[in-house]
Amino acid sequence: PPVTFRAVTPARRRAASILLTVAALALAVV
């Protein structure tokens, strides 16, 4: 299958997405 950008996404990109989501929820609660 053709290799897309998402197929070679490093693990730190997933971690950054999770941290952004956690920060968004924390700011929303505040």
All heavy atoms as atom14 arrays in JSON, in Angstrom:
{
  "sequence": "PPVTFRAVTPARRRAASILLTVAALALAVV",
  "atom14_mask": [
    [1, 1, 1, 1, 1, 1, 1, 0, 0, 0, 0, 0, 0, 0],
    [1, 1, 1, 1, 1, 1, 1, 0, 0, 0, 0, 0, 0, 0],
    [1, 1, 1, 1, 1, 1, 1, 0, 0, 0, 0, 0, 0, 0],
    [1, 1, 1, 1, 1, 1, 1, 0, 0, 0, 0, 0, 0, 0],
    [1, 1, 1, 1, 1, 1, 1, 1, 1, 1, 1, 0, 0, 0],
    [1, 1, 1, 1, 1, 1, 1, 1, 1, 1, 1, 0, 0, 0],
    [1, 1, 1, 1, 1, 0, 0, 0, 0, 0, 0, 0, 0, 0],
    [1, 1, 1, 1, 1, 1, 1, 0, 0, 0, 0, 0, 0, 0],
    [1, 1, 1, 1, 1, 1, 1, 0, 0, 0, 0, 0, 0, 0],
    [1, 1, 1, 1, 1, 1, 1, 0, 0, 0, 0, 0, 0, 0],
    [1, 1, 1, 1, 1, 0, 0, 0, 0, 0, 0, 0, 0, 0],
    [1, 1, 1, 1, 1, 1, 1, 1, 1, 1, 1, 0, 0, 0],
    [1, 1, 1, 1, 1, 1, 1, 1, 1, 1, 1, 0, 0, 0],
    [1, 1, 1, 1, 1, 1, 1, 1, 1, 1, 1, 0, 0, 0],
    [1, 1, 1, 1, 1, 0, 0, 0, 0, 0, 0, 0, 0, 0],
    [1, 1, 1, 1, 1, 0, 0, 0, 0, 0, 0, 0, 0, 0],
    [1, 1, 1, 1, 1, 1, 0, 0, 0, 0, 0, 0, 0, 0],
    [1, 1, 1, 1, 1, 1, 1, 1, 0, 0, 0, 0, 0, 0],
    [1, 1, 1, 1, 1, 1, 1, 1, 0, 0, 0, 0, 0, 0],
    [1, 1, 1, 1, 1, 1, 1, 1, 0, 0, 0, 0, 0, 0],
    [1, 1, 1, 1, 1, 1, 1, 0, 0, 0, 0, 0, 0, 0],
    [1, 1, 1, 1, 1, 1, 1, 0, 0, 0, 0, 0, 0, 0],
    [1, 1, 1, 1, 1, 0, 0, 0, 0, 0, 0, 0, 0, 0],
    [1, 1, 1, 1, 1, 0, 0, 0, 0, 0, 0, 0, 0, 0],
    [1, 1, 1, 1, 1, 1, 1, 1, 0, 0, 0, 0, 0, 0],
    [1, 1, 1, 1, 1, 0, 0, 0, 0, 0, 0, 0, 0, 0],
    [1, 1, 1, 1, 1, 1, 1, 1, 0, 0, 0, 0, 0, 0],
    [1, 1, 1, 1, 1, 0, 0, 0, 0, 0, 0, 0, 0, 0],
    [1, 1, 1, 1, 1, 1, 1, 0, 0, 0, 0, 0, 0, 0],
    [1, 1, 1, 1, 1, 1, 1, 0, 0, 0, 0, 0, 0, 0]
  ],
  "atom14_positions": [
    [[0.84, -1.21, 0.0], [0.0, 0.0, 0.0], [0.86, 1.24, 0.0], [1.99, 1.23, 0.51], [-0.8, -0.13, 1.31], [0.04, -1.03, 2.16], [0.72, -1.96, 1.22], [0.0, 0.0, 0.0], [0.0, 0.0, 0.0], [0.0, 0.0, 0.0], [0.0, 0.0, 0.0], [0.0, 0.0, 0.0], [0.0, 0.0, 0.0], [0.0, 0.0, 0.0]],
    [[0.37, 2.3, -0.61], [1.18, 3.53, -0.62], [1.42, 4.05, 0.78], [0.54, 4.06, 1.62], [0.3, 4.51, -1.43], [-1.09, 3.96, -1.31], [-0.93, 2.48, -1.24], [0.0, 0.0, 0.0], [0.0, 0.0, 0.0], [0.0, 0.0, 0.0], [0.0, 0.0, 0.0], [0.0, 0.0, 0.0], [0.0, 0.0, 0.0], [0.0, 0.0, 0.0]],
    [[2.64, 4.44, 1.01], [3.04, 4.94, 2.32], [2.62, 6.39, 2.42], [3.03, 7.22, 1.61], [4.55, 4.8, 2.52], [4.97, 5.35, 3.88], [4.96, 3.35, 2.4], [0.0, 0.0, 0.0], [0.0, 0.0, 0.0], [0.0, 0.0, 0.0], [0.0, 0.0, 0.0], [0.0, 0.0, 0.0], [0.0, 0.0, 0.0], [0.0, 0.0, 0.0]],
    [[1.8, 6.67, 3.37], [1.35, 8.04, 3.6], [2.09, 8.63, 4.78], [2.86, 7.95, 5.46], [-0.17, 8.07, 3.86], [-0.44, 7.27, 5.0], [-0.93, 7.51, 2.67], [0.0, 0.0, 0.0], [0.0, 0.0, 0.0], [0.0, 0.0, 0.0], [0.0, 0.0, 0.0], [0.0, 0.0, 0.0], [0.0, 0.0, 0.0], [0.0, 0.0, 0.0]],
    [[1.81, 9.91, 5.04], [2.48, 10.6, 6.15], [2.07, 10.02, 7.49], [2.87, 9.94, 8.41], [2.16, 12.09, 6.08], [2.83, 12.89, 7.15], [4.18, 13.18, 7.08], [2.11, 13.35, 8.24], [4.8, 13.92, 8.08], [2.73, 14.08, 9.25], [4.07, 14.37, 9.15], [0.0, 0.0, 0.0], [0.0, 0.0, 0.0], [0.0, 0.0, 0.0]],
    [[0.8, 9.57, 7.57], [0.34, 9.01, 8.83], [0.98, 7.65, 9.12], [1.1, 7.26, 10.26], [-1.18, 8.87, 8.83], [-1.91, 10.21, 8.84], [-3.4, 10.0, 8.89], [-4.11, 11.26, 8.92], [-4.37, 11.95, 10.02], [-3.97, 11.48, 11.18], [-5.01, 13.09, 9.97], [0.0, 0.0, 0.0], [0.0, 0.0, 0.0], [0.0, 0.0, 0.0]],
    [[1.38, 6.92, 8.06], [1.96, 5.6, 8.28], [3.34, 5.68, 8.9], [3.81, 4.74, 9.5], [2.02, 4.82, 6.97], [0.0, 0.0, 0.0], [0.0, 0.0, 0.0], [0.0, 0.0, 0.0], [0.0, 0.0, 0.0], [0.0, 0.0, 0.0], [0.0, 0.0, 0.0], [0.0, 0.0, 0.0], [0.0, 0.0, 0.0], [0.0, 0.0, 0.0]],
    [[4.03, 6.8, 8.71], [5.38, 6.94, 9.23], [5.41, 7.95, 10.38], [6.44, 8.51, 10.69], [6.35, 7.36, 8.11], [6.44, 6.27, 7.07], [5.88, 8.67, 7.46], [0.0, 0.0, 0.0], [0.0, 0.0, 0.0], [0.0, 0.0, 0.0], [0.0, 0.0, 0.0], [0.0, 0.0, 0.0], [0.0, 0.0, 0.0], [0.0, 0.0, 0.0]],
    [[4.26, 8.17, 11.0], [4.22, 9.13, 12.08], [4.97, 8.58, 13.29], [4.7, 7.47, 13.71], [2.76, 9.42, 12.48], [2.08, 9.92, 11.35], [2.71, 10.46, 13.58], [0.0, 0.0, 0.0], [0.0, 0.0, 0.0], [0.0, 0.0, 0.0], [0.0, 0.0, 0.0], [0.0, 0.0, 0.0], [0.0, 0.0, 0.0], [0.0, 0.0, 0.0]],
    [[5.89, 9.33, 13.86], [6.61, 8.83, 15.03], [5.71, 8.81, 16.25], [4.65, 9.43, 16.3], [7.77, 9.83, 15.19], [7.28, 11.08, 14.53], [6.37, 10.63, 13.4], [0.0, 0.0, 0.0], [0.0, 0.0, 0.0], [0.0, 0.0, 0.0], [0.0, 0.0, 0.0], [0.0, 0.0, 0.0], [0.0, 0.0, 0.0], [0.0, 0.0, 0.0]],
    [[6.19, 8.12, 17.27], [5.4, 7.98, 18.49], [5.26, 9.31, 19.22], [4.28, 9.55, 19.92], [6.05, 6.95, 19.41], [0.0, 0.0, 0.0], [0.0, 0.0, 0.0], [0.0, 0.0, 0.0], [0.0, 0.0, 0.0], [0.0, 0.0, 0.0], [0.0, 0.0, 0.0], [0.0, 0.0, 0.0], [0.0, 0.0, 0.0], [0.0, 0.0, 0.0]],
    [[6.25, 10.19, 19.04], [6.15, 11.47, 19.77], [5.02, 12.33, 19.25], [4.53, 13.2, 19.97], [7.48, 12.22, 19.67], [7.93, 12.57, 18.27], [9.22, 13.39, 18.33], [9.72, 13.69, 17.0], [10.56, 12.92, 16.33], [10.97, 11.8, 16.89], [11.0, 13.24, 15.13], [0.0, 0.0, 0.0], [0.0, 0.0, 0.0], [0.0, 0.0, 0.0]],
    [[4.59, 12.1, 17.99], [3.45, 12.86, 17.49], [2.18, 12.46, 18.22], [1.33, 13.29, 18.56], [3.3, 12.63, 15.99], [2.24, 13.51, 15.35], [2.19, 13.25, 13.88], [1.1, 14.0, 13.27], [0.68, 13.81, 12.03], [1.27, 12.92, 11.28], [-0.31, 14.51, 11.53], [0.0, 0.0, 0.0], [0.0, 0.0, 0.0], [0.0, 0.0, 0.0]],
    [[2.03, 11.17, 18.48], [0.87, 10.71, 19.25], [0.92, 11.26, 20.67], [-0.1, 11.67, 21.23], [0.84, 9.19, 19.26], [-0.36, 8.59, 19.98], [-0.27, 7.08, 20.01], [-0.27, 6.53, 18.67], [-1.38, 6.23, 17.99], [-2.57, 6.45, 18.54], [-1.31, 5.72, 16.79], [0.0, 0.0, 0.0], [0.0, 0.0, 0.0], [0.0, 0.0, 0.0]],
    [[2.12, 11.28, 21.26], [2.24, 11.81, 22.62], [1.89, 13.29, 22.65], [1.23, 13.77, 23.57], [3.66, 11.58, 23.14], [0.0, 0.0, 0.0], [0.0, 0.0, 0.0], [0.0, 0.0, 0.0], [0.0, 0.0, 0.0], [0.0, 0.0, 0.0], [0.0, 0.0, 0.0], [0.0, 0.0, 0.0], [0.0, 0.0, 0.0], [0.0, 0.0, 0.0]],
    [[2.34, 14.05, 21.62], [2.01, 15.47, 21.58], [0.51, 15.68, 21.45], [-0.07, 16.59, 22.08], [2.75, 16.14, 20.43], [0.0, 0.0, 0.0], [0.0, 0.0, 0.0], [0.0, 0.0, 0.0], [0.0, 0.0, 0.0], [0.0, 0.0, 0.0], [0.0, 0.0, 0.0], [0.0, 0.0, 0.0], [0.0, 0.0, 0.0], [0.0, 0.0, 0.0]],
    [[-0.15, 14.85, 20.65], [-1.61, 14.97, 20.51], [-2.32, 14.7, 21.82], [-3.26, 15.41, 22.19], [-2.09, 14.01, 19.42], [-3.5, 14.01, 19.35], [0.0, 0.0, 0.0], [0.0, 0.0, 0.0], [0.0, 0.0, 0.0], [0.0, 0.0, 0.0], [0.0, 0.0, 0.0], [0.0, 0.0, 0.0], [0.0, 0.0, 0.0], [0.0, 0.0, 0.0]],
    [[-1.86, 13.69, 22.55], [-2.48, 13.36, 23.83], [-2.27, 14.49, 24.83], [-3.19, 14.87, 25.57], [-1.93, 12.03, 24.36], [-2.35, 10.87, 23.43], [-2.41, 11.77, 25.78], [-1.73, 9.55, 23.79], [0.0, 0.0, 0.0], [0.0, 0.0, 0.0], [0.0, 0.0, 0.0], [0.0, 0.0, 0.0], [0.0, 0.0, 0.0], [0.0, 0.0, 0.0]],
    [[-1.06, 15.05, 24.85], [-0.79, 16.15, 25.79], [-1.63, 17.38, 25.46], [-2.11, 18.08, 26.37], [0.7, 16.5, 25.75], [1.65, 15.46, 26.35], [3.09, 15.88, 26.2], [1.32, 15.24, 27.82], [0.0, 0.0, 0.0], [0.0, 0.0, 0.0], [0.0, 0.0, 0.0], [0.0, 0.0, 0.0], [0.0, 0.0, 0.0], [0.0, 0.0, 0.0]],
    [[-1.81, 17.66, 24.16], [-2.66, 18.79, 23.78], [-4.09, 18.57, 24.23], [-4.76, 19.49, 24.72], [-2.61, 19.0, 22.27], [-1.42, 19.77, 21.7], [-1.5, 19.84, 20.2], [-1.35, 21.17, 22.3], [0.0, 0.0, 0.0], [0.0, 0.0, 0.0], [0.0, 0.0, 0.0], [0.0, 0.0, 0.0], [0.0, 0.0, 0.0], [0.0, 0.0, 0.0]],
    [[-4.57, 17.35, 24.09], [-5.94, 17.05, 24.52], [-6.09, 17.2, 26.03], [-7.08, 17.76, 26.52], [-6.32, 15.63, 24.09], [-6.15, 15.51, 22.66], [-7.76, 15.33, 24.44], [0.0, 0.0, 0.0], [0.0, 0.0, 0.0], [0.0, 0.0, 0.0], [0.0, 0.0, 0.0], [0.0, 0.0, 0.0], [0.0, 0.0, 0.0], [0.0, 0.0, 0.0]],
    [[-5.1, 16.71, 26.77], [-5.16, 16.83, 28.23], [-5.12, 18.3, 28.65], [-5.87, 18.74, 29.55], [-4.0, 16.04, 28.87], [-3.92, 16.31, 30.36], [-4.19, 14.54, 28.62], [0.0, 0.0, 0.0], [0.0, 0.0, 0.0], [0.0, 0.0, 0.0], [0.0, 0.0, 0.0], [0.0, 0.0, 0.0], [0.0, 0.0, 0.0], [0.0, 0.0, 0.0]],
    [[-4.25, 19.09, 28.0], [-4.18, 20.52, 28.32], [-5.49, 21.22, 27.99], [-5.94, 22.1, 28.74], [-3.02, 21.16, 27.56], [0.0, 0.0, 0.0], [0.0, 0.0, 0.0], [0.0, 0.0, 0.0], [0.0, 0.0, 0.0], [0.0, 0.0, 0.0], [0.0, 0.0, 0.0], [0.0, 0.0, 0.0], [0.0, 0.0, 0.0], [0.0, 0.0, 0.0]],
    [[-6.1, 20.84, 26.87], [-7.38, 21.47, 26.5], [-8.46, 21.17, 27.54], [-9.22, 22.06, 27.93], [-7.81, 20.96, 25.12], [0.0, 0.0, 0.0], [0.0, 0.0, 0.0], [0.0, 0.0, 0.0], [0.0, 0.0, 0.0], [0.0, 0.0, 0.0], [0.0, 0.0, 0.0], [0.0, 0.0, 0.0], [0.0, 0.0, 0.0], [0.0, 0.0, 0.0]],
    [[-8.53, 19.92, 27.99], [-9.54, 19.56, 29.0], [-9.27, 20.25, 30.34], [-10.2, 20.7, 31.02], [-9.57, 18.05, 29.18], [-10.01, 17.25, 27.94], [-9.94, 15.76, 28.22], [-11.41, 17.64, 27.51], [0.0, 0.0, 0.0], [0.0, 0.0, 0.0], [0.0, 0.0, 0.0], [0.0, 0.0, 0.0], [0.0, 0.0, 0.0], [0.0, 0.0, 0.0]],
    [[-7.98, 20.37, 30.7], [-7.66, 21.05, 31.95], [-8.04, 22.52, 31.9], [-8.64, 23.07, 32.85], [-6.16, 20.9, 32.25], [0.0, 0.0, 0.0], [0.0, 0.0, 0.0], [0.0, 0.0, 0.0], [0.0, 0.0, 0.0], [0.0, 0.0, 0.0], [0.0, 0.0, 0.0], [0.0, 0.0, 0.0], [0.0, 0.0, 0.0], [0.0, 0.0, 0.0]],
    [[-7.72, 23.19, 30.79], [-8.1, 24.6, 30.64], [-9.62, 24.76, 30.62], [-10.16, 25.74, 31.15], [-7.49, 25.18, 29.37], [-5.98, 25.42, 29.39], [-5.49, 25.86, 28.02], [-5.62, 26.45, 30.43], [0.0, 0.0, 0.0], [0.0, 0.0, 0.0], [0.0, 0.0, 0.0], [0.0, 0.0, 0.0], [0.0, 0.0, 0.0], [0.0, 0.0, 0.0]],
    [[-10.31, 23.79, 30.0], [-11.77, 23.87, 29.96], [-12.36, 23.76, 31.36], [-13.3, 24.49, 31.7], [-12.32, 22.76, 29.06], [0.0, 0.0, 0.0], [0.0, 0.0, 0.0], [0.0, 0.0, 0.0], [0.0, 0.0, 0.0], [0.0, 0.0, 0.0], [0.0, 0.0, 0.0], [0.0, 0.0, 0.0], [0.0, 0.0, 0.0], [0.0, 0.0, 0.0]],
    [[-11.81, 22.88, 32.18], [-12.31, 22.75, 33.55], [-12.08, 24.03, 34.34], [-12.96, 24.52, 35.06], [-11.65, 21.54, 34.24], [-11.98, 21.52, 35.73], [-12.1, 20.24, 33.59], [0.0, 0.0, 0.0], [0.0, 0.0, 0.0], [0.0, 0.0, 0.0], [0.0, 0.0, 0.0], [0.0, 0.0, 0.0], [0.0, 0.0, 0.0], [0.0, 0.0, 0.0]],
    [[-10.88, 24.62, 34.17], [-10.58, 25.88, 34.87], [-11.51, 26.99, 34.39], [-12.05, 27.78, 35.19], [-9.11, 26.26, 34.65], [-8.82, 27.64, 35.21], [-8.19, 25.23, 35.31], [0.0, 0.0, 0.0], [0.0, 0.0, 0.0], [0.0, 0.0, 0.0], [0.0, 0.0, 0.0], [0.0, 0.0, 0.0], [0.0, 0.0, 0.0], [0.0, 0.0, 0.0]]
  ]
}
